[in-house]
PDB file of N, CA and C in Angstrom:
ATOM      1  N   MET A   1     104.298 100.451  99.445  1.00  0.00           N
ATOM      2  CA  MET A   1     104.321  99.554 101.296  1.00  0.00           C
ATOM      3  C   MET A   1     104.425 101.168 101.989  1.00  0.00           C
ATOM      4  N   SER A   2     105.989 101.718 101.714  1.00  0.00           N
ATOM      5  CA  SER A   2     106.810 102.546 102.681  1.00  0.00           C
ATOM      6  C   SER A   2     105.402 103.601 102.877  1.00  0.00           C
ATOM      7  N   ALA A   3     105.106 104.293 101.893  1.00  0.00           N
ATOM      8  CA  ALA A   3     103.761 105.453 102.410  1.00  0.00           C
ATOM      9  C   ALA A   3     103.099 105.106 103.764  1.00  0.00           C
ATOM     10  N   ALA A   4     102.358 103.518 103.291  1.00  0.00           N
ATOM     11  CA  ALA A   4     101.361 103.643 104.612  1.00  0.00           C
ATOM     12  C   ALA A   4     102.439 103.142 106.376  1.00  0.00           C
ATOM     13  N   LEU A   5     103.490 102.565 105.772  1.00  0.00           N
ATOM     14  CA  LEU A   5     104.371 102.664 106.920  1.00  0.00           C
ATOM     15  C   LEU A   5     104.546 103.727 107.666  1.00  0.00           C
ATOM     16  N   ALA A   6     104.862 104.795 106.658  1.00  0.00           N
ATOM     17  CA  ALA A   6     105.602 106.078 107.613  1.00  0.00           C
ATOM     18  C   ALA A   6     104.042 106.556 107.959  1.00  0.00           C
ATOM     19  N   LEU A   7     102.621 106.316 107.587  1.00  0.00           N
ATOM     20  CA  LEU A   7     101.654 106.694 108.680  1.00  0.00           C
ATOM     21  C   LEU A   7     101.713 106.058 110.449  1.00  0.00           C
ATOM     22  N   PHE A   8     102.186 105.551 110.406  1.00  0.00           N
ATOM     23  CA  PHE A   8     102.027 104.510 111.855  1.00  0.00           C
ATOM     24  C   PHE A   8     103.435 105.246 112.965  1.00  0.00           C
ATOM     25  N   ARG A   9     103.356 105.855 113.618  1.00  0.00           N
ATOM     26  CA  ARG A   9     104.386 107.179 114.079  1.00  0.00           C
ATOM     27  C   ARG A   9     103.817 106.660 115.648  1.00  0.00           C
ATOM     28  N   GLY A  10     104.615 106.201 116.310  1.00  0.00           N
ATOM     29  CA  GLY A  10     104.544 105.939 117.961  1.00  0.00           C
ATOM     30  C   GLY A  10     103.565 104.367 118.094  1.00  0.00           C
ATOM     31  N   GLU A  11     103.183 104.475 119.209  1.00  0.00           N
ATOM     32  CA  GLU A  11     102.728 103.549 119.679  1.00  0.00           C
ATOM     33  C   GLU A  11     100.839 104.265 119.245  1.00  0.00           C
ATOM     34  N   PRO A  12     100.368 103.503 118.963  1.00  0.00           N
ATOM     35  CA  PRO A  12      98.887 103.486 118.532  1.00  0.00           C
ATOM     36  C   PRO A  12      98.057 103.706 119.921  1.00  0.00           C
ATOM     37  N   LEU A  13      97.144 104.752 120.228  1.00  0.00           N
ATOM     38  CA  LEU A  13      95.870 104.682 121.298  1.00  0.00           C
ATOM     39  C   LEU A  13      96.676 104.637 122.821  1.00  0.00           C
ATOM     40  N   VAL A  14      97.881 105.681 122.823  1.00  0.00           N
ATOM     41  CA  VAL A  14      98.809 105.241 123.691  1.00  0.00           C
ATOM     42  C   VAL A  14      97.823 105.768 125.415  1.00  0.00           C
ATOM     43  N   ASN A  15      97.146 106.837 125.024  1.00  0.00           N
ATOM     44  CA  ASN A  15      96.440 107.475 126.337  1.00  0.00           C
ATOM     45  C   ASN A  15      95.417 107.057 126.417  1.00  0.00           C
ATOM     46  N   LEU A  16      94.776 106.189 126.117  1.00  0.00           N
ATOM     47  CA  LEU A  16      93.671 105.106 125.970  1.00  0.00           C
ATOM     48  C   LEU A  16      93.805 104.091 126.939  1.00  0.00           C
ATOM     49  N   PRO A  17      93.434 103.836 127.817  1.00  0.00           N
ATOM     50  CA  PRO A  17      93.122 102.579 128.822  1.00  0.00           C
ATOM     51  C   PRO A  17      92.406 101.432 128.869  1.00  0.00           C
ATOM     52  N   GLU A  18      91.262 101.769 128.260  1.00  0.00           N
ATOM     53  CA  GLU A  18      89.980 100.704 128.082  1.00  0.00           C
ATOM     54  C   GLU A  18      90.357  99.751 127.451  1.00  0.00           C
ATOM     55  N   PRO A  19      90.199  98.625 127.597  1.00  0.00           N
ATOM     56  CA  PRO A  19      90.208  97.207 127.239  1.00  0.00           C
ATOM     57  C   PRO A  19      89.906  97.455 125.554  1.00  0.00           C
ATOM     58  N   PHE A  20      89.047  97.981 125.247  1.00  0.00           N
ATOM     59  CA  PHE A  20      88.754  98.355 123.479  1.00  0.00           C
ATOM     60  C   PHE A  20      89.872  98.834 122.925  1.00  0.00           C
ATOM     61  N   ALA A  21      90.535  99.568 123.592  1.00  0.00           N
ATOM     62  CA  ALA A  21      91.627 100.650 122.936  1.00  0.00           C
ATOM     63  C   ALA A  21      92.880  99.445 123.159  1.00  0.00           C
ATOM     64  N   GLN A  22      92.953  98.761 124.051  1.00  0.00           N
ATOM     65  CA  GLN A  22      94.400  98.122 124.452  1.00  0.00           C
ATOM     66  C   GLN A  22      93.930  96.704 123.361  1.00  0.00           C
ATOM     67  N   ASN A  23      92.647  96.364 122.986  1.00  0.00           N
ATOM     68  CA  ASN A  23      93.034  95.443 122.075  1.00  0.00           C
ATOM     69  C   ASN A  23      92.945  95.923 120.971  1.00  0.00           C
ATOM     70  N   GLU A  24      92.453  97.054 120.262  1.00  0.00           N
ATOM     71  CA  GLU A  24      92.934  97.738 119.102  1.00  0.00           C
ATOM     72  C   GLU A  24      94.365  98.282 118.899  1.00  0.00           C
ATOM     73  N   ARG A  25      94.830  98.309 120.233  1.00  0.00           N
ATOM     74  CA  ARG A  25      96.282  99.074 119.836  1.00  0.00           C
ATOM     75  C   ARG A  25      97.707  97.629 119.765  1.00  0.00           C
ATOM     76  N   GLN A  26      96.705  96.243 119.989  1.00  0.00           N
ATOM     77  CA  GLN A  26      97.806  95.050 120.193  1.00  0.00           C
ATOM     78  C   GLN A  26      97.343  94.894 118.529  1.00  0.00           C
ATOM     79  N   ARG A  27      95.826  95.134 117.763  1.00  0.00           N
ATOM     80  CA  ARG A  27      95.671  94.726 116.397  1.00  0.00           C
ATOM     81  C   ARG A  27      96.592  95.686 115.775  1.00  0.00           C
ATOM     82  N   LEU A  28      96.450  96.796 115.733  1.00  0.00           N
ATOM     83  CA  LEU A  28      97.484  97.834 114.674  1.00  0.00           C
ATOM     84  C   LEU A  28      98.613  97.928 115.160  1.00  0.00           C
ATOM     85  N   LEU A  29      99.387  97.218 116.210  1.00  0.00           N
ATOM     86  CA  LEU A  29     100.735  96.569 116.245  1.00  0.00           C
ATOM     87  C   LEU A  29     101.053  95.951 115.253  1.00  0.00           C
ATOM     88  N   GLU A  30      99.771  94.760 115.112  1.00  0.00           N
ATOM     89  CA  GLU A  30     100.386  93.292 114.763  1.00  0.00           C
ATOM     90  C   GLU A  30     100.256  93.831 113.172  1.00  0.00           C
ATOM     91  N   ARG A  31      99.249  94.647 112.425  1.00  0.00           N
ATOM     92  CA  ARG A  31      99.135  95.386 111.787  1.00  0.00           C
ATOM     93  C   ARG A  31     100.557  96.064 110.814  1.00  0.00           C
ATOM     94  N   ARG A  32     101.166  96.948 111.639  1.00  0.00           N
ATOM     95  CA  ARG A  32     102.194  97.724 111.183  1.00  0.00           C
ATOM     96  C   ARG A  32     103.698  96.537 111.059  1.00  0.00           C
ATOM     97  N   ARG A  33     103.331  95.422 112.042  1.00  0.00           N
ATOM     98  CA  ARG A  33     104.485  94.653 111.980  1.00  0.00           C
ATOM     99  C   ARG A  33     104.410  93.672 110.684  1.00  0.00           C
ATOM    100  N   THR A  34     103.211  93.287 110.371  1.00  0.00           N
ATOM    101  CA  THR A  34     103.157  92.780 108.728  1.00  0.00           C
ATOM    102  C   THR A  34     103.073  93.142 107.767  1.00  0.00           C
ATOM    103  N   LEU A  35     102.849  94.817 107.779  1.00  0.00           N
ATOM    104  CA  LEU A  35     103.071  95.450 106.720  1.00  0.00           C
ATOM    105  C   LEU A  35     104.599  95.421 106.638  1.00  0.00           C
ATOM    106  N   ARG A  36     105.083  95.913 107.576  1.00  0.00           N
ATOM    107  CA  ARG A  36     106.747  95.551 107.584  1.00  0.00           C
ATOM    108  C   ARG A  36     107.141  94.848 107.056  1.00  0.00           C
ATOM    109  N   LEU A  37     107.137  93.561 107.345  1.00  0.00           N
ATOM    110  CA  LEU A  37     107.565  92.077 107.199  1.00  0.00           C
ATOM    111  C   LEU A  37     107.489  92.136 105.453  1.00  0.00           C
ATOM    112  N   ALA A  38     106.039  92.467 104.936  1.00  0.00           N
ATOM    113  CA  ALA A  38     105.524  92.220 103.813  1.00  0.00           C
ATOM    114  C   ALA A  38     106.282  92.898 103.102  1.00  0.00           C
ATOM    115  N   SER A  39     107.004  94.433 103.183  1.00  0.00           N
ATOM    116  CA  SER A  39     107.740  95.772 102.743  1.00  0.00           C
ATOM    117  C   SER A  39     108.926  95.411 102.476  1.00  0.00           C
ATOM    118  N   LEU A  40     109.777  94.612 103.403  1.00  0.00           N
ATOM    119  CA  LEU A  40     111.128  94.248 103.324  1.00  0.00           C
ATOM    120  C   LEU A  40     111.231  93.024 102.679  1.00  0.00           C
ATOM    121  N   GLU A  41     109.787  92.042 102.801  1.00  0.00           N
ATOM    122  CA  GLU A  41     110.229  91.165 102.086  1.00  0.00           C
ATOM    123  C   GLU A  41     110.327  91.371 100.231  1.00  0.00           C
ATOM    124  N   CYS A  42     109.564  91.965 100.226  1.00  0.00           N
ATOM    125  CA  CYS A  42     109.397  92.815  98.291  1.00  0.00           C
ATOM    126  C   CYS A  42     110.834  93.397  98.148  1.00  0.00           C
ATOM    127  N   LEU A  43     111.026  94.460  98.961  1.00  0.00           N
ATOM    128  CA  LEU A  43     112.546  94.846  98.808  1.00  0.00           C
ATOM    129  C   LEU A  43     113.843  93.353  98.275  1.00  0.00           C
ATOM    130  N   VAL A  44     113.840  92.533  99.423  1.00  0.00           N
ATOM    131  CA  VAL A  44     114.753  91.643  99.237  1.00  0.00           C
ATOM    132  C   VAL A  44     114.459  90.824  98.102  1.00  0.00           C
ATOM    133  N   LEU A  45     113.070  90.199  97.323  1.00  0.00           N
ATOM    134  CA  LEU A  45     112.664  90.064  96.213  1.00  0.00           C
ATOM    135  C   LEU A  45     113.188  90.221  94.850  1.00  0.00           C
ATOM    136  N   LEU A  46     113.257  91.882  95.364  1.00  0.00           N
ATOM    137  CA  LEU A  46     113.695  92.820  94.127  1.00  0.00           C
ATOM    138  C   LEU A  46     114.659  93.353  93.688  1.00  0.00           C
ATOM    139  N   GLY A  47     115.790  92.709  94.677  1.00  0.00           N
ATOM    140  CA  GLY A  47     117.228  92.739  94.588  1.00  0.00           C
ATOM    141  C   GLY A  47     117.359  94.210  95.109  1.00  0.00           C
ATOM    142  N   ARG A  48     116.608  94.707  95.950  1.00  0.00           N
ATOM    143  CA  ARG A  48     116.547  96.005  96.506  1.00  0.00           C
ATOM    144  C   ARG A  48     117.383  96.176  97.857  1.00  0.00           C
ATOM    145  N   PHE A  49     118.415  95.415  98.215  1.00  0.00           N
ATOM    146  CA  PHE A  49     119.123  95.004  99.367  1.00  0.00           C
ATOM    147  C   PHE A  49     119.090  96.047 100.315  1.00  0.00           C
ATOM    148  N   GLY A  50     120.143  96.881  99.722  1.00  0.00           N
ATOM    149  CA  GLY A  50     120.541  98.474 100.279  1.00  0.00           C
ATOM    150  C   GLY A  50     119.567  98.755 100.998  1.00  0.00           C
ATOM    151  N   GLU A  51     118.061  99.117 100.120  1.00  0.00           N
ATOM    152  CA  GLU A  51     117.316  99.397 100.862  1.00  0.00           C
ATOM    153  C   GLU A  51     116.194  98.643 101.936  1.00  0.00           C
ATOM    154  N   ALA A  52     116.785  97.261 101.617  1.00  0.00           N
ATOM    155  CA  ALA A  52     115.873  96.416 103.175  1.00  0.00           C
ATOM    156  C   ALA A  52     117.087  96.358 104.413  1.00  0.00           C
ATOM    157  N   LEU A  53     118.398  96.714 103.946  1.00  0.00           N
ATOM    158  CA  LEU A  53     119.088  96.991 104.932  1.00  0.00           C
ATOM    159  C   LEU A  53     118.936  98.476 106.299  1.00  0.00           C
ATOM    160  N   ASP A  54     118.824  99.543 105.018  1.00  0.00           N
ATOM    161  CA  ASP A  54     118.636 100.449 105.681  1.00  0.00           C
ATOM    162  C   ASP A  54     117.253 100.713 106.667  1.00  0.00           C
ATOM    163  N   ASP A  55     116.376  99.862 106.117  1.00  0.00           N
ATOM    164  CA  ASP A  55     114.889  99.732 106.614  1.00  0.00           C
ATOM    165  C   ASP A  55     115.377  99.062 108.068  1.00  0.00           C
ATOM    166  N   LEU A  56     116.222  97.920 108.086  1.00  0.00           N
ATOM    167  CA  LEU A  56     116.367  97.091 109.152  1.00  0.00           C
ATOM    168  C   LEU A  56     117.156  97.808 110.110  1.00  0.00           C
ATOM    169  N   GLY A  57     118.203  98.536 109.948  1.00  0.00           N
ATOM    170  CA  GLY A  57     118.779  99.292 110.521  1.00  0.00           C
ATOM    171  C   GLY A  57     118.518 100.554 111.775  1.00  0.00           C
ATOM    172  N   ALA A  58     116.759 100.727 111.111  1.00  0.00           N
ATOM    173  CA  ALA A  58     116.577 102.122 111.759  1.00  0.00           C
ATOM    174  C   ALA A  58     115.837 101.750 113.173  1.00  0.00           C
ATOM    175  N   PRO A  59     115.261 102.377 113.772  1.00  0.00           N
ATOM    176  CA  PRO A  59     115.490 103.112 115.419  1.00  0.00           C
ATOM    177  C   PRO A  59     113.913 101.630 115.605  1.00  0.00           C
ATOM    178  N   SER A  60     113.509 101.793 114.234  1.00  0.00           N
ATOM    179  CA  SER A  60     112.045 101.196 114.635  1.00  0.00           C
ATOM    180  C   SER A  60     112.103  99.869 114.130  1.00  0.00           C
ATOM    181  N   ALA A  61     113.498  99.435 114.074  1.00  0.00           N
ATOM    182  CA  ALA A  61     113.663  97.675 113.285  1.00  0.00           C
ATOM    183  C   ALA A  61     113.673  97.421 114.905  1.00  0.00           C
ATOM    184  N   SER A  62     113.839  97.123 116.013  1.00  0.00           N
ATOM    185  CA  SER A  62     113.793  96.530 116.963  1.00  0.00           C
ATOM    186  C   SER A  62     112.805  95.709 117.076  1.00  0.00           C
ATOM    187  N   PRO A  63     112.412  93.921 117.004  1.00  0.00           N
ATOM    188  CA  PRO A  63     111.588  93.980 117.078  1.00  0.00           C
ATOM    189  C   PRO A  63     110.572  93.743 117.940  1.00  0.00           C
ATOM    190  N   SER A  64     109.080  93.487 118.291  1.00  0.00           N
ATOM    191  CA  SER A  64     108.650  93.683 119.290  1.00  0.00           C
ATOM    192  C   SER A  64     108.475  92.439 120.070  1.00  0.00           C
ATOM    193  N   ASP A  65     109.014  90.966 119.135  1.00  0.00           N
ATOM    194  CA  ASP A  65     109.548  90.078 119.606  1.00  0.00           C
ATOM    195  C   ASP A  65     110.898  89.292 119.746  1.00  0.00           C
ATOM    196  N   PRO A  66     111.280  89.254 120.542  1.00  0.00           N
ATOM    197  CA  PRO A  66     113.306  89.711 119.976  1.00  0.00           C
ATOM    198  C   PRO A  66     113.527  88.275 120.094  1.00  0.00           C
ATOM    199  N   PHE A  67     112.236  86.531 119.869  1.00  0.00           N
ATOM    200  CA  PHE A  67     112.556  85.427 119.482  1.00  0.00           C
ATOM    201  C   PHE A  67     112.033  85.523 117.844  1.00  0.00           C
ATOM    202  N   ASP A  68     111.567  86.828 117.451  1.00  0.00           N
ATOM    203  CA  ASP A  68     110.949  86.387 115.943  1.00  0.00           C
ATOM    204  C   ASP A  68     111.824  86.112 115.161  1.00  0.00           C
ATOM    205  N   GLU A  69     112.217  85.009 114.478  1.00  0.00           N
ATOM    206  CA  GLU A  69     113.476  85.247 113.425  1.00  0.00           C
ATOM    207  C   GLU A  69     112.932  85.659 112.084  1.00  0.00           C
ATOM    208  N   SER A  70     111.963  86.316 111.581  1.00  0.00           N
ATOM    209  CA  SER A  70     111.378  87.098 110.431  1.00  0.00           C
ATOM    210  C   SER A  70     112.623  88.011 109.768  1.00  0.00           C
ATOM    211  N   LEU A  71     112.479  88.707 111.016  1.00  0.00           N
ATOM    212  CA  LEU A  71     113.538  89.810 110.770  1.00  0.00           C
ATOM    213  C   LEU A  71     115.390  89.409 110.510  1.00  0.00           C
ATOM    214  N   PRO A  72     115.908  88.826 111.929  1.00  0.00           N
ATOM    215  CA  PRO A  72     117.259  88.260 111.287  1.00  0.00           C
ATOM    216  C   PRO A  72     117.080  87.764 109.863  1.00  0.00           C
ATOM    217  N   ALA A  73     116.184  86.682 110.162  1.00  0.00           N
ATOM    218  CA  ALA A  73     116.306  86.214 108.304  1.00  0.00           C
ATOM    219  C   ALA A  73     116.208  87.313 106.809  1.00  0.00           C
ATOM    220  N   LEU A  74     115.620  88.220 107.294  1.00  0.00           N
ATOM    221  CA  LEU A  74     115.266  89.034 106.064  1.00  0.00           C
ATOM    222  C   LEU A  74     116.595  89.742 106.296  1.00  0.00           C
ATOM    223  N   ARG A  75     117.715  90.322 107.253  1.00  0.00           N
ATOM    224  CA  ARG A  75     118.059  90.892 107.361  1.00  0.00           C
ATOM    225  C   ARG A  75     119.465  90.410 107.066  1.00  0.00           C
ATOM    226  N   MET A  76     119.623  88.361 106.737  1.00  0.00           N
ATOM    227  CA  MET A  76     120.318  88.187 106.173  1.00  0.00           C
ATOM    228  C   MET A  76     120.921  87.804 104.944  1.00  0.00           C
ATOM    229  N   GLN A  77     119.411  87.568 104.536  1.00  0.00           N
ATOM    230  CA  GLN A  77     119.377  87.833 103.206  1.00  0.00           C
ATOM    231  C   GLN A  77     119.465  89.380 102.037  1.00  0.00           C
ATOM    232  N   ALA A  78     119.261  89.969 102.776  1.00  0.00           N
ATOM    233  CA  ALA A  78     120.012  91.657 102.250  1.00  0.00           C
ATOM    234  C   ALA A  78     120.796  91.654 102.226  1.00  0.00           C
ATOM    235  N   LEU A  79     121.948  91.447 103.633  1.00  0.00           N
ATOM    236  CA  LEU A  79     123.370  91.361 103.571  1.00  0.00           C
ATOM    237  C   LEU A  79     124.329  90.454 102.192  1.00  0.00           C
ATOM    238  N   TYR A  80     123.944  89.038 102.482  1.00  0.00           N
ATOM    239  CA  TYR A  80     123.970  87.989 101.155  1.00  0.00           C
ATOM    240  C   TYR A  80     123.757  89.078  99.803  1.00  0.00           C
ATOM    241  N   GLY A  81     122.916  89.973  99.630  1.00  0.00           N
ATOM    242  CA  GLY A  81     122.443  90.328  98.199  1.00  0.00           C
ATOM    243  C   GLY A  81     123.375  91.265  98.521  1.00  0.00           C
ATOM    244  N   CYS A  82     124.192  92.076  98.757  1.00  0.00           N
ATOM    245  CA  CYS A  82     125.039  93.213  99.689  1.00  0.00           C
ATOM    246  C   CYS A  82     126.430  92.565  99.325  1.00  0.00           C
ATOM    247  N   GLU A  83     126.373  91.384  99.031  1.00  0.00           N
ATOM    248  CA  GLU A  83     127.630  90.486  99.236  1.00  0.00           C
ATOM    249  C   GLU A  83     128.122  90.452 100.404  1.00  0.00           C
ATOM    250  N   ARG A  84     128.205  90.564 101.775  1.00  0.00           N
ATOM    251  CA  ARG A  84     128.437  90.665 103.033  1.00  0.00           C
ATOM    252  C   ARG A  84     127.777  90.005 103.746  1.00  0.00           C
ATOM    253  N   GLN A  85     128.916  88.334 102.975  1.00  0.00           N
ATOM    254  CA  GLN A  85     128.527  86.931 103.688  1.00  0.00           C
ATOM    255  C   GLN A  85     128.878  87.071 105.022  1.00  0.00           C
ATOM    256  N   ALA A  86     129.803  87.791 105.723  1.00  0.00           N
ATOM    257  CA  ALA A  86     130.636  87.226 106.429  1.00  0.00           C
ATOM    258  C   ALA A  86     129.974  88.195 108.012  1.00  0.00           C
ATOM    259  N   GLU A  87     129.277  89.445 107.610  1.00  0.00           N
ATOM    260  CA  GLU A  87     128.227  89.620 108.453  1.00  0.00           C
ATOM    261  C   GLU A  87     127.257  88.567 108.762  1.00  0.00           C
ATOM    262  N   ALA A  88     126.576  88.317 107.535  1.00  0.00           N
ATOM    263  CA  ALA A  88     125.397  87.674 106.996  1.00  0.00           C
ATOM    264  C   ALA A  88     125.313  86.385 108.484  1.00  0.00           C
ATOM    265  N   LEU A  89     126.723  85.675 108.281  1.00  0.00           N
ATOM    266  CA  LEU A  89     127.115  84.362 108.916  1.00  0.00           C
ATOM    267  C   LEU A  89     127.008  84.898 110.365  1.00  0.00           C
ATOM    268  N   ASN A  90     127.627  85.982 111.009  1.00  0.00           N
ATOM    269  CA  ASN A  90     127.606  86.639 112.297  1.00  0.00           C
ATOM    270  C   ASN A  90     126.548  86.700 112.833  1.00  0.00           C
ATOM    271  N   ALA A  91     125.281  87.566 111.751  1.00  0.00           N
ATOM    272  CA  ALA A  91     124.130  87.754 112.518  1.00  0.00           C
ATOM    273  C   ALA A  91     123.303  86.343 112.452  1.00  0.00           C
ATOM    274  N   TYR A  92     123.653  85.244 112.319  1.00  0.00           N
ATOM    275  CA  TYR A  92     122.950  83.812 112.113  1.00  0.00           C
ATOM    276  C   TYR A  92     123.184  83.430 113.495  1.00  0.00           C
ATOM    277  N   GLN A  93     124.981  83.391 113.833  1.00  0.00           N
ATOM    278  CA  GLN A  93     125.714  83.094 114.715  1.00  0.00           C
ATOM    279  C   GLN A  93     125.235  83.606 116.115  1.00  0.00           C
ATOM    280  N   GLU A  94     124.888  85.420 116.236  1.00  0.00           N
ATOM    281  CA  GLU A  94     124.285  85.732 117.205  1.00  0.00           C
ATOM    282  C   GLU A  94     123.124  85.591 117.724  1.00  0.00           C
ATOM    283  N   THR A  95     122.237  85.519 116.146  1.00  0.00           N
ATOM    284  CA  THR A  95     120.841  84.927 116.562  1.00  0.00           C
ATOM    285  C   THR A  95     120.882  83.123 117.256  1.00  0.00           C
ATOM    286  N   ARG A  96     121.510  82.235 116.553  1.00  0.00           N
ATOM    287  CA  ARG A  96     121.351  81.103 117.202  1.00  0.00           C
ATOM    288  C   ARG A  96     121.977  81.155 118.643  1.00  0.00           C
ATOM    289  N   VAL A  97     123.145  81.874 119.012  1.00  0.00           N
ATOM    290  CA  VAL A  97     123.593  81.952 120.398  1.00  0.00           C
ATOM    291  C   VAL A  97     122.394  82.624 121.225  1.00  0.00           C
ATOM    292  N   ARG A  98     121.770  83.604 120.906  1.00  0.00           N
ATOM    293  CA  ARG A  98     120.765  83.743 121.698  1.00  0.00           C
ATOM    294  C   ARG A  98     119.628  83.512 121.797  1.00  0.00           C
ATOM    295  N   LEU A  99     119.312  82.453 120.732  1.00  0.00           N
ATOM    296  CA  LEU A  99     117.936  81.410 121.022  1.00  0.00           C
ATOM    297  C   LEU A  99     118.368  80.506 121.973  1.00  0.00           C
ATOM    298  N   TRP A 100     119.971  79.971 121.970  1.00  0.00           N
ATOM    299  CA  TRP A 100     119.695  78.601 122.581  1.00  0.00           C
ATOM    300  C   TRP A 100     120.350  79.404 124.165  1.00  0.00           C
ATOM    301  N   ASP A 101     120.716  80.103 124.293  1.00  0.00           N
ATOM    302  CA  ASP A 101     121.226  81.008 126.019  1.00  0.00           C
ATOM    303  C   ASP A 101     119.996  81.377 126.478  1.00  0.00           C
ATOM    304  N   GLU A 102     118.641  82.293 125.629  1.00  0.00           N
ATOM    305  CA  GLU A 102     117.647  82.060 126.605  1.00  0.00           C
ATOM    306  C   GLU A 102     116.662  81.266 126.471  1.00  0.00           C
ATOM    307  N   LEU A 103     116.350  80.391 125.282  1.00  0.00           N
ATOM    308  CA  LEU A 103     115.496  79.253 125.049  1.00  0.00           C
ATOM    309  C   LEU A 103     115.710  77.848 125.390  1.00  0.00           C
ATOM    310  N   GLY A 104     117.223  78.191 125.165  1.00  0.00           N
ATOM    311  CA  GLY A 104     117.193  76.640 125.086  1.00  0.00           C
ATOM    312  C   GLY A 104     117.238  75.849 123.942  1.00  0.00           C
ATOM    313  N   VAL A 105     116.286  76.577 122.673  1.00  0.00           N
ATOM    314  CA  VAL A 105     116.226  75.998 120.797  1.00  0.00           C
ATOM    315  C   VAL A 105     117.523  76.332 120.063  1.00  0.00           C
ATOM    316  N   ASP A 106     117.647  75.912 118.694  1.00  0.00           N
ATOM    317  CA  ASP A 106     118.241  75.817 117.662  1.00  0.00           C
ATOM    318  C   ASP A 106     117.487  76.390 116.902  1.00  0.00           C
ATOM    319  N   PRO A 107     117.814  77.372 116.068  1.00  0.00           N
ATOM    320  CA  PRO A 107     117.186  78.675 114.894  1.00  0.00           C
ATOM    321  C   PRO A 107     116.161  77.453 114.381  1.00  0.00           C
ATOM    322  N   GLY A 108     115.073  78.337 113.391  1.00  0.00           N
ATOM    323  CA  GLY A 108     114.423  77.461 112.785  1.00  0.00           C
ATOM    324  C   GLY A 108     114.469  77.244 111.333  1.00  0.00           C
ATOM    325  N   GLU A 109     113.843  76.754 110.863  1.00  0.00           N
ATOM    326  CA  GLU A 109     113.987  76.222 109.797  1.00  0.00           C
ATOM    327  C   GLU A 109     114.285  77.339 108.536  1.00  0.00           C
ATOM    328  N   GLU A 110     113.283  78.161 108.854  1.00  0.00           N
ATOM    329  CA  GLU A 110     113.575  79.366 107.434  1.00  0.00           C
ATOM    330  C   GLU A 110     115.209  79.906 108.122  1.00  0.00           C
ATOM    331  N   LEU A 111     115.378  79.848 109.235  1.00  0.00           N
ATOM    332  CA  LEU A 111     116.993  81.529 109.236  1.00  0.00           C
ATOM    333  C   LEU A 111     118.020  79.844 109.156  1.00  0.00           C
ATOM    334  N   ARG A 112     117.822  78.613 109.134  1.00  0.00           N
ATOM    335  CA  ARG A 112     118.688  77.502 109.012  1.00  0.00           C
ATOM    336  C   ARG A 112     118.471  77.758 107.411  1.00  0.00           C
ATOM    337  N   ARG A 113     117.822  77.604 106.557  1.00  0.00           N
ATOM    338  CA  ARG A 113     118.255  77.595 105.354  1.00  0.00           C
ATOM    339  C   ARG A 113     118.215  79.143 104.777  1.00  0.00           C
ATOM    340  N   VAL A 114     118.486  79.531 105.149  1.00  0.00           N
ATOM    341  CA  VAL A 114     119.001  81.524 104.773  1.00  0.00           C
ATOM    342  C   VAL A 114     120.492  80.986 104.528  1.00  0.00           C
ATOM    343  N   SER A 115     120.889  80.118 106.351  1.00  0.00           N
ATOM    344  CA  SER A 115     122.271  80.214 106.581  1.00  0.00           C
ATOM    345  C   SER A 115     122.885  79.354 106.084  1.00  0.00           C
ATOM    346  N   VAL A 116     122.632  78.258 105.175  1.00  0.00           N
ATOM    347  CA  VAL A 116     123.159  77.342 104.422  1.00  0.00           C
ATOM    348  C   VAL A 116     123.249  77.691 102.954  1.00  0.00           C
ATOM    349  N   ARG A 117     122.491  78.135 102.694  1.00  0.00           N
ATOM    350  CA  ARG A 117     121.726  78.998 101.275  1.00  0.00           C
ATOM    351  C   ARG A 117     123.352  79.820 101.449  1.00  0.00           C
ATOM    352  N   SER A 118     123.669  80.602 102.028  1.00  0.00           N
ATOM    353  CA  SER A 118     124.866  81.795 102.212  1.00  0.00           C
ATOM    354  C   SER A 118     126.007  80.823 101.783  1.00  0.00           C
ATOM    355  N   ARG A 119     126.122  79.761 102.426  1.00  0.00           N
ATOM    356  CA  ARG A 119     127.441  79.181 102.179  1.00  0.00           C
ATOM    357  C   ARG A 119     127.460  78.533 101.150  1.00  0.00           C
ATOM    358  N   SER A 120     126.975  77.961 100.891  1.00  0.00           N
ATOM    359  CA  SER A 120     126.875  77.656  99.263  1.00  0.00           C
ATOM    360  C   SER A 120     127.073  78.353  98.422  1.00  0.00           C
ATOM    361  N   ARG A 121     127.132  79.813  98.508  1.00  0.00           N
ATOM    362  CA  ARG A 121     127.579  81.056  97.912  1.00  0.00           C
ATOM    363  C   ARG A 121     129.351  81.112  97.794  1.00  0.00           C
ATOM    364  N   ARG A 122     129.387  80.848  98.836  1.00  0.00           N
ATOM    365  CA  ARG A 122     131.016  80.782  98.528  1.00  0.00           C
ATOM    366  C   ARG A 122     131.416  80.421  97.565  1.00  0.00           C
TER     367      ARG A 122
END
């Protein structure tokens, strides 16, 4: 999967303004996001937490949707796997505060589940 992700560079079809190009750009960006999430999930499931953290810290790691909880949840799992529980709990707290401050909502079930699981590991 990492080879496929490496083929994605920059924003696709950036100089083409037509509606077809705009729709295709969105489709390709969503496909890249889906592939990246699947790749990160695989790394976490395989116990390759350091590799997952390397990808999550890359410049392309910033989510297109700052309120998408998938990447913070994977980052927390990778941090837990690297025995960096305090950092994982800090990441949860930062996400929780940002969601509350900007949207007035608490984290979703997946993020809460990851946080609870980490506390039980201590």
